[in-house]
Every structure is written in structure tokens, then in C-alpha cells.
Amino acid sequence: MFVKEGNAISIDTRLSGLILSNPYLMLLLDHFEIELPIHEKTIAAVCAENEINAEFFLSFVNLYMSEDYEDTITFSHNEILSLIKFLKKSHNYYAKEIYPNIQSTILQMSSANNHKEMGLVKNFFNDYYIEVTEHLNYENDIVFPYITELYLKTIDHQHPFNPTKYSVSEYKDHHDDIEVKLNDLRNLLIKYLPAQNDQLLRRKLLFYLFELEYDLRIHSRIEDLILIPMVAKMELNLSKNN
């Protein structure tokens, strides 16, 4: 899906062409706070203007462009704050934009469709929303502050920090693929919910769900392929120095 034909993507690739082939890259730009238009600029040029490591950004582009991209991605601890900023920005997109849009559309559908299955849609999403909110709050309140403190200790050994109070291994155990349940909700809308003057809203809701699932899948892969290995490496180095 969305694999670029021909030459491999590099920092010399024009970013606008990639966006035209995969509009979900606009979410990536938003999470990095890169604004349109970008004209005919290369990835390297766009990153230079926004003070982003181009090779670091390129790894994210590859993850968005291909579901099969699983190369081992290693970066130094210098990119950790940029990574946390990216993940927090994506959390903001979930909490302030896409989830409210989904919830609002479901409520509109409820007004048009009074079949009992519509109640299942509402309850399913409400339960899912509670679960995903707990997961995002866990990252915001526990994981990200811990990683920030770990980074500060890495660059300044005098920084007060207790490395035994938490570990990225706990995060890895807690970290699950919260996007999986969205597949059940989509199946309910596509296969089973009887129609009742709701087709426009149903299509709108499905597009929201596909967009959310796509970004959540990338979000999880970024954490698994980039964040967790990076933090584990910092923990290991810190334990060696203590």
C-alpha cells in the first residue's frame, strides 16, 4: 500500500509528490507541525526549514508509505525530544480532532437510525474510547515524563533521577495495539447495521475510522521500532555508568 514506484524514497525526494500518492502523509506533517504549502521542496529542504533531522523524518515517511517497512531504525538519544513531541502531537489529534468527529457522527447517525444495532455501535465506541483514553493518558502522564527525565540524565549525569522506579519494559508490556478493535466497529457498519437514512453519515464515519486506524497503526510501529529501542539503549547505557 502506497509503496513508491521506481527509485527508493530518499531525503532528495520531493515531499509534495509523496503526499499526492498518499494523502495520509498530511497527518505526518501535522504531527511534525509542518505547514502547507511545501511547493516542490525535497524532504531535506522541508526538514531544514523546520529544524528536523532529515534522516529521522525519512524513517517516519517510510513507515507511512509502506506497511512492509520494518528496517531496524536506530537513532541517538538526541532525537528523543523530537520523537516525544511528535507522539504528543498525534495524541492531540486523537483527543481533540478525530475522536470528537467520530463521536459526533455516531450521535448524528443515532438520530437517523433507530435500529437496535445502532446502540451496539454507540456502546462499542464508548467502551473503546474509554480504553484508548486510558492508554494515551498512561503515555502522557507516566511514559513520556519518565523518558524525558531519562534523556536529561543521559546528557547530564548530575541530573537527579531514579532509574529503578520505572523501565521501558513495563511500557512494552502495557503497550498494546489499541487500533485492533476498530476493525470490529467497521465490520458492524459495513456488514450488519441495517440501513435507515444514514448512508451519507455512515460513509463519513467509515472514512474517519479508516483514517484513525491508519494513523494508530503507524503510531504503534513508531513506538515499537523507534521509541522503545531508543529508550532501552539509554537505560542500558545509564546502568553501565552507575
C-alpha atoms as a PDB file:
ATOM      1  CA  MET A   1       0.000   0.000   0.000  1.00  0.00           C
ATOM      2  CA  PHE A   2       1.323   3.393  -1.068  1.00  0.00           C
ATOM      3  CA  VAL A   3       4.758   1.964  -1.890  1.00  0.00           C
ATOM      4  CA  LYS A   4       6.531   4.446  -4.125  1.00  0.00           C
ATOM      5  CA  GLU A   5       7.249   3.087  -7.583  1.00  0.00           C
ATOM      6  CA  GLY A   6      10.716   3.279  -9.055  1.00  0.00           C
ATOM      7  CA  ASN A   7      13.560   4.698  -7.013  1.00  0.00           C
ATOM      8  CA  ALA A   8      13.537   4.355  -3.245  1.00  0.00           C
ATOM      9  CA  ILE A   9      12.450   7.338  -1.188  1.00  0.00           C
ATOM     10  CA  SER A  10      15.365   9.495  -0.041  1.00  0.00           C
ATOM     11  CA  ILE A  11      15.857  12.906   1.519  1.00  0.00           C
ATOM     12  CA  ASP A  12      16.162  14.241  -2.054  1.00  0.00           C
ATOM     13  CA  THR A  13      12.638  13.073  -2.921  1.00  0.00           C
ATOM     14  CA  ARG A  14      10.048  15.824  -3.426  1.00  0.00           C
ATOM     15  CA  LEU A  15       7.682  15.633  -0.489  1.00  0.00           C
ATOM     16  CA  SER A  16       4.692  17.010  -2.411  1.00  0.00           C
ATOM     17  CA  GLY A  17       4.777  14.047  -4.809  1.00  0.00           C
ATOM     18  CA  LEU A  18       4.625  11.609  -1.906  1.00  0.00           C
ATOM     19  CA  ILE A  19       1.639  13.425  -0.397  1.00  0.00           C
ATOM     20  CA  LEU A  20      -0.209  13.271  -3.717  1.00  0.00           C
ATOM     21  CA  SER A  21       0.312   9.490  -3.767  1.00  0.00           C
ATOM     22  CA  ASN A  22      -0.563   9.063  -0.081  1.00  0.00           C
ATOM     23  CA  PRO A  23      -2.735  11.816   1.480  1.00  0.00           C
ATOM     24  CA  TYR A  24      -2.264  10.285   4.940  1.00  0.00           C
ATOM     25  CA  LEU A  25       1.164  11.925   4.926  1.00  0.00           C
ATOM     26  CA  MET A  26      -0.668  15.158   5.768  1.00  0.00           C
ATOM     27  CA  LEU A  27      -1.153  13.653   9.231  1.00  0.00           C
ATOM     28  CA  LEU A  28       2.604  13.150   9.447  1.00  0.00           C
ATOM     29  CA  LEU A  29       3.163  16.806   8.551  1.00  0.00           C
ATOM     30  CA  ASP A  30       0.670  17.876  11.193  1.00  0.00           C
ATOM     31  CA  HIS A  31       2.344  15.739  13.871  1.00  0.00           C
ATOM     32  CA  PHE A  32       5.676  17.399  12.980  1.00  0.00           C
ATOM     33  CA  GLU A  33       3.996  20.843  12.839  1.00  0.00           C
ATOM     34  CA  ILE A  34       4.981  21.306   9.187  1.00  0.00           C
ATOM     35  CA  GLU A  35       2.591  23.610   7.355  1.00  0.00           C
ATOM     36  CA  LEU A  36       1.421  23.518   3.747  1.00  0.00           C
ATOM     37  CA  PRO A  37       2.231  24.619   1.092  1.00  0.00           C
ATOM     38  CA  ILE A  38       5.598  22.974   0.624  1.00  0.00           C
ATOM     39  CA  HIS A  39       5.886  23.728  -3.117  1.00  0.00           C
ATOM     40  CA  GLU A  40       8.391  21.461  -4.928  1.00  0.00           C
ATOM     41  CA  LYS A  41      10.786  21.135  -1.999  1.00  0.00           C
ATOM     42  CA  THR A  42      12.642  17.964  -1.173  1.00  0.00           C
ATOM     43  CA  ILE A  43      12.379  16.190   2.164  1.00  0.00           C
ATOM     44  CA  ALA A  44      15.817  17.583   3.033  1.00  0.00           C
ATOM     45  CA  ALA A  45      14.743  21.159   2.279  1.00  0.00           C
ATOM     46  CA  VAL A  46      11.478  20.898   4.225  1.00  0.00           C
ATOM     47  CA  CYS A  47      13.299  19.407   7.208  1.00  0.00           C
ATOM     48  CA  ALA A  48      15.976  22.098   7.105  1.00  0.00           C
ATOM     49  CA  GLU A  49      13.335  24.832   7.212  1.00  0.00           C
ATOM     50  CA  ASN A  50      11.615  23.169  10.171  1.00  0.00           C
ATOM     51  CA  GLU A  51      14.824  22.209  12.033  1.00  0.00           C
ATOM     52  CA  ILE A  52      14.146  18.473  11.827  1.00  0.00           C
ATOM     53  CA  ASN A  53      16.727  15.739  11.299  1.00  0.00           C
ATOM     54  CA  ALA A  54      16.039  14.714   7.677  1.00  0.00           C
ATOM     55  CA  GLU A  55      17.063  11.071   8.120  1.00  0.00           C
ATOM     56  CA  PHE A  56      14.891  10.862  11.228  1.00  0.00           C
ATOM     57  CA  PHE A  57      11.926  12.316   9.335  1.00  0.00           C
ATOM     58  CA  LEU A  58      12.596   9.982   6.395  1.00  0.00           C
ATOM     59  CA  SER A  59      12.074   6.949   8.636  1.00  0.00           C
ATOM     60  CA  PHE A  60       8.610   8.238   9.505  1.00  0.00           C
ATOM     61  CA  VAL A  61       7.851   8.853   5.825  1.00  0.00           C
ATOM     62  CA  ASN A  62       8.806   5.259   5.005  1.00  0.00           C
ATOM     63  CA  LEU A  63       6.573   3.948   7.790  1.00  0.00           C
ATOM     64  CA  TYR A  64       3.628   5.942   6.394  1.00  0.00           C
ATOM     65  CA  MET A  65       4.359   4.939   2.811  1.00  0.00           C
ATOM     66  CA  SER A  66       4.754   1.181   3.260  1.00  0.00           C
ATOM     67  CA  GLU A  67       3.201  -1.288   5.675  1.00  0.00           C
ATOM     68  CA  ASP A  68       6.129  -3.616   4.972  1.00  0.00           C
ATOM     69  CA  TYR A  69       8.806  -1.165   6.115  1.00  0.00           C
ATOM     70  CA  GLU A  70      10.393  -2.877   9.096  1.00  0.00           C
ATOM     71  CA  ASP A  71      14.060  -1.947   8.891  1.00  0.00           C
ATOM     72  CA  THR A  72      15.781  -1.583  12.215  1.00  0.00           C
ATOM     73  CA  ILE A  73      15.759   2.136  12.912  1.00  0.00           C
ATOM     74  CA  THR A  74      18.436   3.410  15.241  1.00  0.00           C
ATOM     75  CA  PHE A  75      18.987   6.997  16.278  1.00  0.00           C
ATOM     76  CA  SER A  76      20.885   8.611  19.092  1.00  0.00           C
ATOM     77  CA  HIS A  77      19.210   9.982  22.186  1.00  0.00           C
ATOM     78  CA  ASN A  78      19.455  13.439  20.589  1.00  0.00           C
ATOM     79  CA  GLU A  79      16.200  12.766  18.726  1.00  0.00           C
ATOM     80  CA  ILE A  80      14.204  11.643  21.746  1.00  0.00           C
ATOM     81  CA  LEU A  81      12.591  15.020  22.495  1.00  0.00           C
ATOM     82  CA  SER A  82      11.549  15.400  18.846  1.00  0.00           C
ATOM     83  CA  LEU A  83      10.029  11.934  18.996  1.00  0.00           C
ATOM     84  CA  ILE A  84       8.082  12.668  22.168  1.00  0.00           C
ATOM     85  CA  LYS A  85       6.853  15.943  20.675  1.00  0.00           C
ATOM     86  CA  PHE A  86       5.654  14.022  17.601  1.00  0.00           C
ATOM     87  CA  LEU A  87       3.808  11.446  19.721  1.00  0.00           C
ATOM     88  CA  LYS A  88       2.198  14.122  21.910  1.00  0.00           C
ATOM     89  CA  LYS A  89       1.051  15.952  18.802  1.00  0.00           C
ATOM     90  CA  SER A  90      -0.529  12.754  17.495  1.00  0.00           C
ATOM     91  CA  HIS A  91      -2.266  12.287  20.856  1.00  0.00           C
ATOM     92  CA  ASN A  92      -3.694  15.775  20.481  1.00  0.00           C
ATOM     93  CA  TYR A  93      -5.024  14.841  17.046  1.00  0.00           C
ATOM     94  CA  TYR A  94      -6.751  11.790  18.517  1.00  0.00           C
ATOM     95  CA  ALA A  95      -8.232  13.563  21.539  1.00  0.00           C
ATOM     96  CA  LYS A  96      -9.133  16.939  20.047  1.00  0.00           C
ATOM     97  CA  GLU A  97      -9.971  16.099  16.437  1.00  0.00           C
ATOM     98  CA  ILE A  98     -10.625  12.577  15.202  1.00  0.00           C
ATOM     99  CA  TYR A  99     -12.332  11.073  18.282  1.00  0.00           C
ATOM    100  CA  PRO A 100     -14.736  14.024  18.704  1.00  0.00           C
ATOM    101  CA  ASN A 101     -15.517  13.810  14.970  1.00  0.00           C
ATOM    102  CA  ILE A 102     -16.299  10.107  15.276  1.00  0.00           C
ATOM    103  CA  GLN A 103     -18.406  10.610  18.390  1.00  0.00           C
ATOM    104  CA  SER A 104     -20.360  13.457  16.783  1.00  0.00           C
ATOM    105  CA  THR A 105     -21.041  11.429  13.641  1.00  0.00           C
ATOM    106  CA  ILE A 106     -22.251   8.444  15.664  1.00  0.00           C
ATOM    107  CA  LEU A 107     -24.684  10.712  17.532  1.00  0.00           C
ATOM    108  CA  GLN A 108     -25.962  12.074  14.223  1.00  0.00           C
ATOM    109  CA  MET A 109     -26.439   8.541  12.944  1.00  0.00           C
ATOM    110  CA  SER A 110     -28.384   7.657  16.084  1.00  0.00           C
ATOM    111  CA  SER A 111     -30.892  10.365  15.240  1.00  0.00           C
ATOM    112  CA  ALA A 112     -31.392   8.889  11.765  1.00  0.00           C
ATOM    113  CA  ASN A 113     -31.169   5.187  12.567  1.00  0.00           C
ATOM    114  CA  ASN A 114     -33.129   3.713  15.470  1.00  0.00           C
ATOM    115  CA  HIS A 115     -32.285   0.047  14.837  1.00  0.00           C
ATOM    116  CA  LYS A 116     -31.084  -1.780  17.945  1.00  0.00           C
ATOM    117  CA  GLU A 117     -27.720  -2.405  16.262  1.00  0.00           C
ATOM    118  CA  MET A 118     -27.097   1.354  16.392  1.00  0.00           C
ATOM    119  CA  GLY A 119     -26.990   1.032  20.160  1.00  0.00           C
ATOM    120  CA  LEU A 120     -24.210  -1.524  19.741  1.00  0.00           C
ATOM    121  CA  VAL A 121     -22.234   0.979  17.655  1.00  0.00           C
ATOM    122  CA  LYS A 122     -22.593   3.653  20.345  1.00  0.00           C
ATOM    123  CA  ASN A 123     -21.710   1.329  23.220  1.00  0.00           C
ATOM    124  CA  PHE A 124     -18.809  -0.237  21.346  1.00  0.00           C
ATOM    125  CA  PHE A 125     -17.232   3.107  20.569  1.00  0.00           C
ATOM    126  CA  ASN A 126     -17.821   4.463  24.082  1.00  0.00           C
ATOM    127  CA  ASP A 127     -16.067   1.420  25.591  1.00  0.00           C
ATOM    128  CA  TYR A 128     -13.265   1.723  23.055  1.00  0.00           C
ATOM    129  CA  TYR A 129     -12.893   5.441  23.754  1.00  0.00           C
ATOM    130  CA  ILE A 130     -12.511   4.814  27.490  1.00  0.00           C
ATOM    131  CA  GLU A 131      -9.817   2.194  26.830  1.00  0.00           C
ATOM    132  CA  VAL A 132      -7.855   4.296  24.364  1.00  0.00           C
ATOM    133  CA  THR A 133      -8.063   7.379  26.594  1.00  0.00           C
ATOM    134  CA  GLU A 134      -6.560   5.387  29.468  1.00  0.00           C
ATOM    135  CA  HIS A 135      -3.762   4.247  27.161  1.00  0.00           C
ATOM    136  CA  LEU A 136      -2.979   7.776  25.938  1.00  0.00           C
ATOM    137  CA  ASN A 137      -3.110   9.168  29.475  1.00  0.00           C
ATOM    138  CA  TYR A 138      -0.698   6.438  30.575  1.00  0.00           C
ATOM    139  CA  GLU A 139       1.748   7.548  27.901  1.00  0.00           C
ATOM    140  CA  ASN A 140       1.294  11.256  28.609  1.00  0.00           C
ATOM    141  CA  ASP A 141       1.433  11.021  32.407  1.00  0.00           C
ATOM    142  CA  ILE A 142       3.913   8.191  33.012  1.00  0.00           C
ATOM    143  CA  VAL A 143       5.875   7.128  29.941  1.00  0.00           C
ATOM    144  CA  PHE A 144       6.793  10.480  28.396  1.00  0.00           C
ATOM    145  CA  PRO A 145       7.836  12.180  31.671  1.00  0.00           C
ATOM    146  CA  TYR A 146       9.992   9.142  32.501  1.00  0.00           C
ATOM    147  CA  ILE A 147      11.679   9.215  29.077  1.00  0.00           C
ATOM    148  CA  THR A 148      12.276  12.964  29.367  1.00  0.00           C
ATOM    149  CA  GLU A 149      13.948  12.513  32.738  1.00  0.00           C
ATOM    150  CA  LEU A 150      15.989   9.622  31.366  1.00  0.00           C
ATOM    151  CA  TYR A 151      17.148  11.835  28.499  1.00  0.00           C
ATOM    152  CA  LEU A 152      18.101  14.648  30.870  1.00  0.00           C
ATOM    153  CA  LYS A 153      20.104  12.173  32.956  1.00  0.00           C
ATOM    154  CA  THR A 154      21.789  10.885  29.797  1.00  0.00           C
ATOM    155  CA  ILE A 155      23.040  14.317  28.768  1.00  0.00           C
ATOM    156  CA  ASP A 156      23.786  15.433  32.344  1.00  0.00           C
ATOM    157  CA  HIS A 157      24.893  12.758  34.786  1.00  0.00           C
ATOM    158  CA  GLN A 158      24.334  15.206  37.647  1.00  0.00           C
ATOM    159  CA  HIS A 159      20.624  15.396  36.887  1.00  0.00           C
ATOM    160  CA  PRO A 160      18.631  13.820  39.769  1.00  0.00           C
ATOM    161  CA  PHE A 161      16.983  10.643  38.516  1.00  0.00           C
ATOM    162  CA  ASN A 162      15.995   7.296  39.997  1.00  0.00           C
ATOM    163  CA  PRO A 163      16.335   4.701  37.223  1.00  0.00           C
ATOM    164  CA  THR A 164      14.823   1.908  39.313  1.00  0.00           C
ATOM    165  CA  LYS A 165      11.349   3.418  39.606  1.00  0.00           C
ATOM    166  CA  TYR A 166      10.323   2.514  36.093  1.00  0.00           C
ATOM    167  CA  SER A 167      11.567   0.784  32.939  1.00  0.00           C
ATOM    168  CA  VAL A 168      10.638   0.769  29.279  1.00  0.00           C
ATOM    169  CA  SER A 169       9.993  -2.980  29.663  1.00  0.00           C
ATOM    170  CA  GLU A 170       6.890  -2.085  31.691  1.00  0.00           C
ATOM    171  CA  TYR A 171       5.759   0.177  28.880  1.00  0.00           C
ATOM    172  CA  LYS A 172       6.324  -2.609  26.371  1.00  0.00           C
ATOM    173  CA  ASP A 173       4.136  -4.924  28.458  1.00  0.00           C
ATOM    174  CA  HIS A 174       1.449  -2.250  28.770  1.00  0.00           C
ATOM    175  CA  HIS A 175       1.711  -1.197  25.155  1.00  0.00           C
ATOM    176  CA  ASP A 176      -0.889  -2.963  23.008  1.00  0.00           C
ATOM    177  CA  ASP A 177      -2.387  -2.468  19.590  1.00  0.00           C
ATOM    178  CA  ILE A 178      -5.412  -0.389  20.538  1.00  0.00           C
ATOM    179  CA  GLU A 179      -6.382   0.003  16.886  1.00  0.00           C
ATOM    180  CA  VAL A 180      -7.449  -3.657  16.562  1.00  0.00           C
ATOM    181  CA  LYS A 181     -10.944  -3.052  17.972  1.00  0.00           C
ATOM    182  CA  LEU A 182     -11.670  -0.536  15.220  1.00  0.00           C
ATOM    183  CA  ASN A 183     -11.867  -3.435  12.778  1.00  0.00           C
ATOM    184  CA  ASP A 184     -14.868  -4.865  14.648  1.00  0.00           C
ATOM    185  CA  LEU A 185     -16.606  -1.492  14.567  1.00  0.00           C
ATOM    186  CA  ARG A 186     -16.004  -1.161  10.816  1.00  0.00           C
ATOM    187  CA  ASN A 187     -17.383  -4.660  10.223  1.00  0.00           C
ATOM    188  CA  LEU A 188     -20.507  -3.766  12.167  1.00  0.00           C
ATOM    189  CA  LEU A 189     -21.078  -0.690   9.985  1.00  0.00           C
ATOM    190  CA  ILE A 190     -20.263  -2.408   6.686  1.00  0.00           C
ATOM    191  CA  LYS A 191     -21.829  -5.848   7.186  1.00  0.00           C
ATOM    192  CA  TYR A 192     -24.548  -5.777   9.820  1.00  0.00           C
ATOM    193  CA  LEU A 193     -26.089  -2.401  10.790  1.00  0.00           C
ATOM    194  CA  PRO A 194     -29.424  -2.120   8.893  1.00  0.00           C
ATOM    195  CA  ALA A 195     -29.795   0.966   6.710  1.00  0.00           C
ATOM    196  CA  GLN A 196     -32.127   3.788   7.715  1.00  0.00           C
ATOM    197  CA  ASN A 197     -31.479   7.173   6.074  1.00  0.00           C
ATOM    198  CA  ASP A 198     -27.883   7.083   7.256  1.00  0.00           C
ATOM    199  CA  GLN A 199     -25.722   6.266   4.221  1.00  0.00           C
ATOM    200  CA  LEU A 200     -24.002   9.652   3.959  1.00  0.00           C
ATOM    201  CA  LEU A 201     -23.215   9.674   7.683  1.00  0.00           C
ATOM    202  CA  ARG A 202     -22.168   6.012   7.589  1.00  0.00           C
ATOM    203  CA  ARG A 203     -19.707   6.712   4.766  1.00  0.00           C
ATOM    204  CA  LYS A 204     -18.380   9.747   6.644  1.00  0.00           C
ATOM    205  CA  LEU A 205     -17.934   7.685   9.819  1.00  0.00           C
ATOM    206  CA  LEU A 206     -16.151   4.890   7.963  1.00  0.00           C
ATOM    207  CA  PHE A 207     -13.685   7.338   6.425  1.00  0.00           C
ATOM    208  CA  TYR A 208     -12.946   8.704   9.913  1.00  0.00           C
ATOM    209  CA  LEU A 209     -12.371   5.172  11.188  1.00  0.00           C
ATOM    210  CA  PHE A 210     -10.054   4.243   8.313  1.00  0.00           C
ATOM    211  CA  GLU A 211      -8.038   7.432   8.868  1.00  0.00           C
ATOM    212  CA  LEU A 212      -7.804   6.782  12.596  1.00  0.00           C
ATOM    213  CA  GLU A 213      -6.813   3.146  12.177  1.00  0.00           C
ATOM    214  CA  TYR A 214      -4.111   4.046   9.670  1.00  0.00           C
ATOM    215  CA  ASP A 215      -2.529   6.647  11.923  1.00  0.00           C
ATOM    216  CA  LEU A 216      -2.811   4.479  15.037  1.00  0.00           C
ATOM    217  CA  ARG A 217      -1.075   1.624  13.245  1.00  0.00           C
ATOM    218  CA  ILE A 218       1.835   3.911  12.326  1.00  0.00           C
ATOM    219  CA  HIS A 219       1.814   5.314  15.859  1.00  0.00           C
ATOM    220  CA  SER A 220       2.264   1.823  17.314  1.00  0.00           C
ATOM    221  CA  ARG A 221       5.019   0.931  14.848  1.00  0.00           C
ATOM    222  CA  ILE A 222       6.901   4.142  15.656  1.00  0.00           C
ATOM    223  CA  GLU A 223       6.784   3.245  19.329  1.00  0.00           C
ATOM    224  CA  ASP A 224       7.848  -0.359  18.692  1.00  0.00           C
ATOM    225  CA  LEU A 225      10.538   0.296  16.063  1.00  0.00           C
ATOM    226  CA  ILE A 226      11.960   3.621  17.221  1.00  0.00           C
ATOM    227  CA  LEU A 227      10.885   4.719  20.710  1.00  0.00           C
ATOM    228  CA  ILE A 228      11.243   1.508  22.724  1.00  0.00           C
ATOM    229  CA  PRO A 229      14.680   0.523  21.291  1.00  0.00           C
ATOM    230  CA  MET A 230      15.945   4.077  21.769  1.00  0.00           C
ATOM    231  CA  VAL A 231      14.829   4.204  25.407  1.00  0.00           C
ATOM    232  CA  ALA A 232      16.119   0.695  26.126  1.00  0.00           C
ATOM    233  CA  LYS A 233      19.529   1.766  24.809  1.00  0.00           C
ATOM    234  CA  MET A 234      19.543   4.828  27.084  1.00  0.00           C
ATOM    235  CA  GLU A 235      18.584   2.678  30.070  1.00  0.00           C
ATOM    236  CA  LEU A 236      21.364   0.218  29.286  1.00  0.00           C
ATOM    237  CA  ASN A 237      23.968   2.968  28.947  1.00  0.00           C
ATOM    238  CA  LEU A 238      22.835   4.549  32.183  1.00  0.00           C
ATOM    239  CA  SER A 239      23.035   1.252  34.080  1.00  0.00           C
ATOM    240  CA  LYS A 240      26.594   0.742  32.792  1.00  0.00           C
ATOM    241  CA  ASN A 241      27.615   4.183  34.034  1.00  0.00           C
ATOM    242  CA  ASN A 242      26.137   3.676  37.507  1.00  0.00           C
END
